[in-house]
Amino acid sequence: MAEQKNAQQTVREQYKVAENVAENMMRAWSDLAATTTELTFESFEKSLHYNQQARAQADRLVSEALTNYHRMYEDGLKTWQGYVQGVREILNRSN
């Protein structure tokens, strides 16, 4: 009878050890999943932020480029108008 109790106690102890190992593994996997999820969301958030900054910078550059093109166009138009006016004056003097 004592041998049967010792055998049962040994089995119970082994099951307790196995339960503890399984519980520790589940905690580790749970922590790993939480850490991975947090890293993924943080990386995604930073990526969105960097993309927004890049988009804003690109919009500013496009806006500046269009403003500069508009100024260049207006200056070219004024120069052309001055040229045409000068040609008219020369033609009017000739007549």
Protein backbone atom coordinates (compact mmCIF):
# COMPACT_ATOMS: atom_id res chain seq x y z
CA MET A 1 0.00 0.00 0.00
CA ALA A 2 2.85 2.35 0.78
CA GLU A 3 4.35 1.65 -2.61
CA GLN A 4 1.04 2.56 -4.28
CA LYS A 5 0.92 5.89 -2.37
CA ASN A 6 4.50 6.64 -3.32
CA ALA A 7 3.75 5.82 -6.97
CA GLN A 8 0.63 8.02 -6.91
CA GLN A 9 2.54 10.80 -5.20
CA THR A 10 5.35 10.51 -7.75
CA VAL A 11 2.85 10.70 -10.62
CA ARG A 12 1.12 13.71 -9.02
CA GLU A 13 4.46 15.46 -8.62
CA GLN A 14 5.35 14.74 -12.23
CA TYR A 15 1.96 16.10 -13.38
CA LYS A 16 2.51 19.21 -11.23
CA VAL A 17 5.94 19.74 -12.82
CA ALA A 18 4.42 19.25 -16.30
CA GLU A 19 1.61 21.71 -15.45
CA ASN A 20 4.16 24.29 -14.28
CA VAL A 21 6.22 23.87 -17.46
CA ALA A 22 3.09 24.16 -19.63
CA GLU A 23 1.91 27.20 -17.68
CA ASN A 24 5.31 28.89 -18.05
CA MET A 25 5.32 28.16 -21.78
CA MET A 26 1.82 29.62 -22.17
CA ARG A 27 2.89 32.76 -20.28
CA ALA A 28 5.97 33.08 -22.46
CA TRP A 29 3.93 32.67 -25.67
CA SER A 30 1.36 35.15 -24.39
CA ASP A 31 4.07 37.70 -23.57
CA LEU A 32 5.71 37.11 -26.93
CA ALA A 33 2.40 37.62 -28.75
CA ALA A 34 1.70 40.83 -26.82
CA THR A 35 5.20 42.16 -27.47
CA THR A 36 5.00 41.28 -31.17
CA THR A 37 1.58 42.93 -31.48
CA GLU A 38 2.82 46.06 -29.73
CA LEU A 39 5.88 46.24 -31.99
CA THR A 40 3.73 45.76 -35.09
CA PHE A 41 1.30 48.53 -34.14
CA GLU A 42 4.12 50.87 -33.12
CA SER A 43 5.93 50.28 -36.41
CA PHE A 44 2.71 50.81 -38.36
CA GLU A 45 1.99 54.04 -36.48
CA LYS A 46 5.51 55.36 -37.12
CA SER A 47 5.23 54.40 -40.78
CA LEU A 48 1.99 56.34 -41.10
CA HIS A 49 3.57 59.34 -39.39
CA TYR A 50 6.62 59.28 -41.68
CA ASN A 51 4.39 58.91 -44.74
CA GLN A 52 2.31 61.90 -43.65
CA GLN A 53 5.46 63.97 -43.19
CA ALA A 54 6.79 62.92 -46.58
CA ARG A 55 3.45 63.70 -48.21
CA ALA A 56 3.31 67.14 -46.58
CA GLN A 57 6.87 67.86 -47.71
CA ALA A 58 6.07 66.70 -51.25
CA ASP A 59 2.95 68.89 -51.29
CA ARG A 60 5.03 71.89 -50.20
CA LEU A 61 7.63 71.18 -52.89
CA VAL A 62 4.96 70.86 -55.58
CA SER A 63 3.32 74.06 -54.39
CA GLU A 64 6.66 75.89 -54.47
CA ALA A 65 7.45 74.49 -57.90
CA LEU A 66 4.09 75.63 -59.25
CA THR A 67 4.56 79.08 -57.71
CA ASN A 68 8.02 79.35 -59.27
CA TYR A 69 6.70 78.17 -62.64
CA HIS A 70 3.91 80.74 -62.46
CA ARG A 71 6.42 83.52 -61.73
CA MET A 72 8.68 82.34 -64.53
CA TYR A 73 5.70 82.24 -66.91
CA GLU A 74 4.63 85.76 -65.92
CA ASP A 75 8.18 87.08 -66.31
CA GLY A 76 8.46 85.42 -69.73
CA LEU A 77 5.10 86.87 -70.75
CA LYS A 78 6.15 90.37 -69.63
CA THR A 79 9.42 90.01 -71.50
CA TRP A 80 7.57 88.89 -74.62
CA GLN A 81 5.10 91.79 -74.29
CA GLY A 82 8.03 94.19 -73.96
CA TYR A 83 9.60 92.70 -77.08
CA VAL A 84 6.37 92.99 -79.06
CA GLN A 85 5.92 96.56 -77.87
CA GLY A 86 9.48 97.40 -78.97
CA VAL A 87 8.87 95.85 -82.41
CA ARG A 88 5.64 97.87 -82.76
CA GLU A 89 7.50 101.06 -81.91
CA ILE A 90 10.15 100.31 -84.50
CA LEU A 91 7.51 99.53 -87.13
CA ASN A 92 5.56 102.68 -86.27
CA ARG A 93 8.74 104.78 -86.66
CA SER A 94 9.38 103.21 -90.04
CA ASN A 95 5.99 104.11 -91.39
